[in-house]
Amino acid sequence: MGLTDITSKGLEFIRRLDEYGGVKSKWIVKAEEDTNPDYGGLPWERPIEEYIRKGVIPLDKPPGPTSHEVVAWVKRMFGLSKAGHGGTLDPKVTGMLPVALEEATKIIGIVVHTGKEYICVMQLHHPVPEEELKKLKLVEQERDRFRLLEPAWGYYDLVQANKST
């Protein structure tokens, strides 16, 4: 992969961050210059210690512990002095919890303010007639806020559009 490919992929990543995060950024790109090792390096040349010092872990939080407890476990496992999470998941909730390590804690606020998608999966133990579904206040009042993904084997995934709850 050449430097031009890396630059275009990097710019695409930044554009998506701006789009999803609602942030308008101005970027100056010098694609033809070598990287100054005093200010960073190419990802495949970085030692693992640098990834741990400056990384973000997309952690799949299990049900039970709080987000704070999970971050404490990560700190202890990696022997870190600082770690923080981008958002809070209730103890009973599972999901992706971004955990910033050491120096990355400075930028975790960006993650908190980006767009999110919530997925609810429920199992109904018997078919519900359409007329009964229409009676449900939630379905009637909130129907337009959700879009139904393609069902598979009787499982329905609802994804909330635009706003978080």
C-alpha atoms as a PDB file:
ATOM      1  CA  MET A   1       0.000   0.000   0.000  1.00  0.00           C
ATOM      2  CA  GLY A   2       1.553   3.283  -1.095  1.00  0.00           C
ATOM      3  CA  LEU A   3       1.557   6.617   0.706  1.00  0.00           C
ATOM      4  CA  THR A   4      -1.171   7.989  -1.589  1.00  0.00           C
ATOM      5  CA  ASP A   5      -3.458   5.053  -0.699  1.00  0.00           C
ATOM      6  CA  ILE A   6      -2.813   5.585   3.007  1.00  0.00           C
ATOM      7  CA  THR A   7      -3.515   9.317   2.691  1.00  0.00           C
ATOM      8  CA  SER A   8      -6.788   8.803   0.823  1.00  0.00           C
ATOM      9  CA  LYS A   9      -7.944   6.169   3.343  1.00  0.00           C
ATOM     10  CA  GLY A  10      -7.011   8.501   6.192  1.00  0.00           C
ATOM     11  CA  LEU A  11      -8.935  11.388   4.655  1.00  0.00           C
ATOM     12  CA  GLU A  12     -11.960   9.136   4.102  1.00  0.00           C
ATOM     13  CA  PHE A  13     -11.806   8.093   7.774  1.00  0.00           C
ATOM     14  CA  ILE A  14     -11.663  11.744   8.882  1.00  0.00           C
ATOM     15  CA  ARG A  15     -14.550  12.671   6.555  1.00  0.00           C
ATOM     16  CA  ARG A  16     -16.668   9.919   8.110  1.00  0.00           C
ATOM     17  CA  LEU A  17     -15.774  11.071  11.619  1.00  0.00           C
ATOM     18  CA  ASP A  18     -16.843  14.585  10.676  1.00  0.00           C
ATOM     19  CA  GLU A  19     -20.057  13.305   9.081  1.00  0.00           C
ATOM     20  CA  TYR A  20     -21.095  11.084  11.995  1.00  0.00           C
ATOM     21  CA  GLY A  21     -19.822  13.366  14.730  1.00  0.00           C
ATOM     22  CA  GLY A  22     -21.308  16.561  13.332  1.00  0.00           C
ATOM     23  CA  VAL A  23     -17.890  18.236  13.494  1.00  0.00           C
ATOM     24  CA  LYS A  24     -16.558  20.422  10.691  1.00  0.00           C
ATOM     25  CA  SER A  25     -12.788  20.164  10.467  1.00  0.00           C
ATOM     26  CA  LYS A  26     -10.159  21.762   8.271  1.00  0.00           C
ATOM     27  CA  TRP A  27      -7.291  19.496   7.329  1.00  0.00           C
ATOM     28  CA  ILE A  28      -3.957  20.226   5.686  1.00  0.00           C
ATOM     29  CA  VAL A  29      -2.459  17.174   3.992  1.00  0.00           C
ATOM     30  CA  LYS A  30       1.124  16.881   2.836  1.00  0.00           C
ATOM     31  CA  ALA A  31       1.014  13.574   0.967  1.00  0.00           C
ATOM     32  CA  GLU A  32       4.482  13.782  -0.548  1.00  0.00           C
ATOM     33  CA  GLU A  33       6.447  14.314   2.672  1.00  0.00           C
ATOM     34  CA  ASP A  34       8.162  11.671   4.771  1.00  0.00           C
ATOM     35  CA  THR A  35       6.914  11.105   8.298  1.00  0.00           C
ATOM     36  CA  ASN A  36       9.107  12.737  10.920  1.00  0.00           C
ATOM     37  CA  PRO A  37       9.758  10.004  13.513  1.00  0.00           C
ATOM     38  CA  ASP A  38       9.791  12.676  16.245  1.00  0.00           C
ATOM     39  CA  TYR A  39       6.048  13.169  15.642  1.00  0.00           C
ATOM     40  CA  GLY A  40       4.844   9.626  15.073  1.00  0.00           C
ATOM     41  CA  GLY A  41       5.307   6.791  12.670  1.00  0.00           C
ATOM     42  CA  LEU A  42       3.595   4.477  10.268  1.00  0.00           C
ATOM     43  CA  PRO A  43       1.146   2.092  11.981  1.00  0.00           C
ATOM     44  CA  TRP A  44       2.956  -1.088  10.929  1.00  0.00           C
ATOM     45  CA  GLU A  45       6.233   0.262  12.335  1.00  0.00           C
ATOM     46  CA  ARG A  46       4.903   1.128  15.817  1.00  0.00           C
ATOM     47  CA  PRO A  47       5.797  -1.035  18.811  1.00  0.00           C
ATOM     48  CA  ILE A  48       2.944  -2.645  20.766  1.00  0.00           C
ATOM     49  CA  GLU A  49       3.762  -0.420  23.768  1.00  0.00           C
ATOM     50  CA  GLU A  50       2.798   2.635  21.715  1.00  0.00           C
ATOM     51  CA  TYR A  51      -0.559   1.092  20.810  1.00  0.00           C
ATOM     52  CA  ILE A  52      -1.202   0.445  24.495  1.00  0.00           C
ATOM     53  CA  ARG A  53      -0.171   3.996  25.480  1.00  0.00           C
ATOM     54  CA  LYS A  54      -2.240   5.692  22.757  1.00  0.00           C
ATOM     55  CA  GLY A  55      -4.914   3.146  21.873  1.00  0.00           C
ATOM     56  CA  VAL A  56      -8.669   2.763  22.116  1.00  0.00           C
ATOM     57  CA  ILE A  57     -10.153  -0.682  22.734  1.00  0.00           C
ATOM     58  CA  PRO A  58     -13.636  -1.342  21.313  1.00  0.00           C
ATOM     59  CA  LEU A  59     -14.640  -3.559  24.240  1.00  0.00           C
ATOM     60  CA  ASP A  60     -17.712  -5.815  24.117  1.00  0.00           C
ATOM     61  CA  LYS A  61     -19.063  -5.178  27.641  1.00  0.00           C
ATOM     62  CA  PRO A  62     -20.773  -8.192  29.202  1.00  0.00           C
ATOM     63  CA  PRO A  63     -23.905  -7.900  31.358  1.00  0.00           C
ATOM     64  CA  GLY A  64     -23.250  -7.409  35.072  1.00  0.00           C
ATOM     65  CA  PRO A  65     -20.367  -5.011  35.663  1.00  0.00           C
ATOM     66  CA  THR A  66     -20.637  -1.241  35.365  1.00  0.00           C
ATOM     67  CA  SER A  67     -18.663   0.596  32.682  1.00  0.00           C
ATOM     68  CA  HIS A  68     -16.429   1.969  35.446  1.00  0.00           C
ATOM     69  CA  GLU A  69     -15.656  -1.560  36.719  1.00  0.00           C
ATOM     70  CA  VAL A  70     -14.763  -2.755  33.216  1.00  0.00           C
ATOM     71  CA  VAL A  71     -12.357   0.172  32.759  1.00  0.00           C
ATOM     72  CA  ALA A  72     -10.759  -0.647  36.134  1.00  0.00           C
ATOM     73  CA  TRP A  73     -10.225  -4.236  34.945  1.00  0.00           C
ATOM     74  CA  VAL A  74      -8.577  -3.002  31.723  1.00  0.00           C
ATOM     75  CA  LYS A  75      -6.286  -0.688  33.710  1.00  0.00           C
ATOM     76  CA  ARG A  76      -5.261  -3.537  35.989  1.00  0.00           C
ATOM     77  CA  MET A  77      -4.717  -6.037  33.116  1.00  0.00           C
ATOM     78  CA  PHE A  78      -2.478  -3.645  31.163  1.00  0.00           C
ATOM     79  CA  GLY A  79      -0.846  -1.992  34.191  1.00  0.00           C
ATOM     80  CA  LEU A  80      -2.058   1.466  33.128  1.00  0.00           C
ATOM     81  CA  SER A  81      -2.220   4.653  35.150  1.00  0.00           C
ATOM     82  CA  LYS A  82      -5.090   6.100  33.068  1.00  0.00           C
ATOM     83  CA  ALA A  83      -8.017   4.716  31.116  1.00  0.00           C
ATOM     84  CA  GLY A  84     -11.491   6.052  30.408  1.00  0.00           C
ATOM     85  CA  HIS A  85     -14.637   5.099  28.544  1.00  0.00           C
ATOM     86  CA  GLY A  86     -16.602   6.895  25.852  1.00  0.00           C
ATOM     87  CA  GLY A  87     -20.142   6.694  27.196  1.00  0.00           C
ATOM     88  CA  THR A  88     -21.797   4.594  29.860  1.00  0.00           C
ATOM     89  CA  LEU A  89     -23.600   1.289  29.502  1.00  0.00           C
ATOM     90  CA  ASP A  90     -25.885   0.281  32.373  1.00  0.00           C
ATOM     91  CA  PRO A  91     -24.793  -2.834  34.285  1.00  0.00           C
ATOM     92  CA  LYS A  92     -27.431  -5.109  32.698  1.00  0.00           C
ATOM     93  CA  VAL A  93     -26.658  -3.823  29.193  1.00  0.00           C
ATOM     94  CA  THR A  94     -24.200  -5.410  26.779  1.00  0.00           C
ATOM     95  CA  GLY A  95     -22.570  -3.567  23.921  1.00  0.00           C
ATOM     96  CA  MET A  96     -19.496  -1.881  22.545  1.00  0.00           C
ATOM     97  CA  LEU A  97     -17.771   0.321  25.107  1.00  0.00           C
ATOM     98  CA  PRO A  98     -14.847   2.354  23.721  1.00  0.00           C
ATOM     99  CA  VAL A  99     -12.048   2.292  26.321  1.00  0.00           C
ATOM    100  CA  ALA A 100      -9.271   4.850  25.818  1.00  0.00           C
ATOM    101  CA  LEU A 101      -5.827   3.988  27.164  1.00  0.00           C
ATOM    102  CA  GLU A 102      -3.328   6.426  28.717  1.00  0.00           C
ATOM    103  CA  GLU A 103      -2.747   9.280  26.219  1.00  0.00           C
ATOM    104  CA  ALA A 104      -5.907   8.475  24.232  1.00  0.00           C
ATOM    105  CA  THR A 105      -8.034   9.580  27.204  1.00  0.00           C
ATOM    106  CA  LYS A 106      -7.508  13.153  25.966  1.00  0.00           C
ATOM    107  CA  ILE A 107      -9.628  12.518  22.876  1.00  0.00           C
ATOM    108  CA  ILE A 108     -12.310  10.172  24.218  1.00  0.00           C
ATOM    109  CA  GLY A 109     -14.739  13.115  24.463  1.00  0.00           C
ATOM    110  CA  ILE A 110     -14.981  13.061  20.664  1.00  0.00           C
ATOM    111  CA  VAL A 111     -16.426   9.545  20.827  1.00  0.00           C
ATOM    112  CA  VAL A 112     -19.042  10.611  23.379  1.00  0.00           C
ATOM    113  CA  HIS A 113     -20.449  13.215  20.978  1.00  0.00           C
ATOM    114  CA  THR A 114     -20.552  11.083  17.829  1.00  0.00           C
ATOM    115  CA  GLY A 115     -23.663   9.418  16.460  1.00  0.00           C
ATOM    116  CA  LYS A 116     -24.694   6.128  18.006  1.00  0.00           C
ATOM    117  CA  GLU A 117     -26.970   3.309  16.992  1.00  0.00           C
ATOM    118  CA  TYR A 118     -28.989   1.291  19.493  1.00  0.00           C
ATOM    119  CA  ILE A 119     -30.189  -2.189  18.654  1.00  0.00           C
ATOM    120  CA  CYS A 120     -32.894  -3.976  20.598  1.00  0.00           C
ATOM    121  CA  VAL A 121     -33.474  -7.683  20.137  1.00  0.00           C
ATOM    122  CA  MET A 122     -36.552  -9.278  21.682  1.00  0.00           C
ATOM    123  CA  GLN A 123     -38.106 -12.687  21.458  1.00  0.00           C
ATOM    124  CA  LEU A 124     -41.879 -13.039  21.403  1.00  0.00           C
ATOM    125  CA  HIS A 125     -43.033 -16.449  22.540  1.00  0.00           C
ATOM    126  CA  HIS A 126     -46.123 -16.462  20.347  1.00  0.00           C
ATOM    127  CA  PRO A 127     -47.329 -14.562  17.270  1.00  0.00           C
ATOM    128  CA  VAL A 128     -48.908 -11.172  17.957  1.00  0.00           C
ATOM    129  CA  PRO A 129     -51.816 -10.189  15.686  1.00  0.00           C
ATOM    130  CA  GLU A 130     -51.296  -6.947  13.753  1.00  0.00           C
ATOM    131  CA  GLU A 131     -54.379  -5.342  15.368  1.00  0.00           C
ATOM    132  CA  GLU A 132     -52.873  -5.969  18.817  1.00  0.00           C
ATOM    133  CA  LEU A 133     -49.591  -4.378  17.770  1.00  0.00           C
ATOM    134  CA  LYS A 134     -51.476  -1.288  16.613  1.00  0.00           C
ATOM    135  CA  LYS A 135     -52.975  -0.939  20.086  1.00  0.00           C
ATOM    136  CA  LEU A 136     -49.577  -0.629  21.673  1.00  0.00           C
ATOM    137  CA  LYS A 137     -48.938   3.004  22.441  1.00  0.00           C
ATOM    138  CA  LEU A 138     -45.205   2.703  21.786  1.00  0.00           C
ATOM    139  CA  VAL A 139     -45.724   1.279  18.324  1.00  0.00           C
ATOM    140  CA  GLU A 140     -48.287   3.951  17.415  1.00  0.00           C
ATOM    141  CA  GLN A 141     -46.411   6.952  18.818  1.00  0.00           C
ATOM    142  CA  GLU A 142     -42.833   5.931  18.182  1.00  0.00           C
ATOM    143  CA  ARG A 143     -43.107   3.896  14.984  1.00  0.00           C
ATOM    144  CA  ASP A 144     -41.561   6.574  12.763  1.00  0.00           C
ATOM    145  CA  ARG A 145     -38.488   6.850  14.999  1.00  0.00           C
ATOM    146  CA  PHE A 146     -37.525   3.247  14.298  1.00  0.00           C
ATOM    147  CA  ARG A 147     -36.704   1.393  11.141  1.00  0.00           C
ATOM    148  CA  LEU A 148     -37.179  -2.342  10.976  1.00  0.00           C
ATOM    149  CA  LEU A 149     -34.237  -4.380   9.762  1.00  0.00           C
ATOM    150  CA  GLU A 150     -34.802  -7.573   7.808  1.00  0.00           C
ATOM    151  CA  PRO A 151     -36.097 -10.211  10.244  1.00  0.00           C
ATOM    152  CA  ALA A 152     -34.360 -13.551  10.509  1.00  0.00           C
ATOM    153  CA  TRP A 153     -35.995 -16.650  11.985  1.00  0.00           C
ATOM    154  CA  GLY A 154     -38.516 -14.639  13.945  1.00  0.00           C
ATOM    155  CA  TYR A 155     -36.009 -12.206  15.438  1.00  0.00           C
ATOM    156  CA  TYR A 156     -36.591  -8.520  14.793  1.00  0.00           C
ATOM    157  CA  ASP A 157     -33.954  -5.841  15.177  1.00  0.00           C
ATOM    158  CA  LEU A 158     -35.179  -2.299  15.753  1.00  0.00           C
ATOM    159  CA  VAL A 159     -32.710   0.519  15.218  1.00  0.00           C
ATOM    160  CA  GLN A 160     -33.562   3.962  16.507  1.00  0.00           C
ATOM    161  CA  ALA A 161     -33.067   6.643  13.895  1.00  0.00           C
ATOM    162  CA  ASN A 162     -31.613  10.138  14.399  1.00  0.00           C
ATOM    163  CA  LYS A 163     -31.916  10.649  18.193  1.00  0.00           C
ATOM    164  CA  SER A 164     -30.824   8.591  21.148  1.00  0.00           C
ATOM    165  CA  THR A 165     -33.260   7.745  23.928  1.00  0.00           C
END
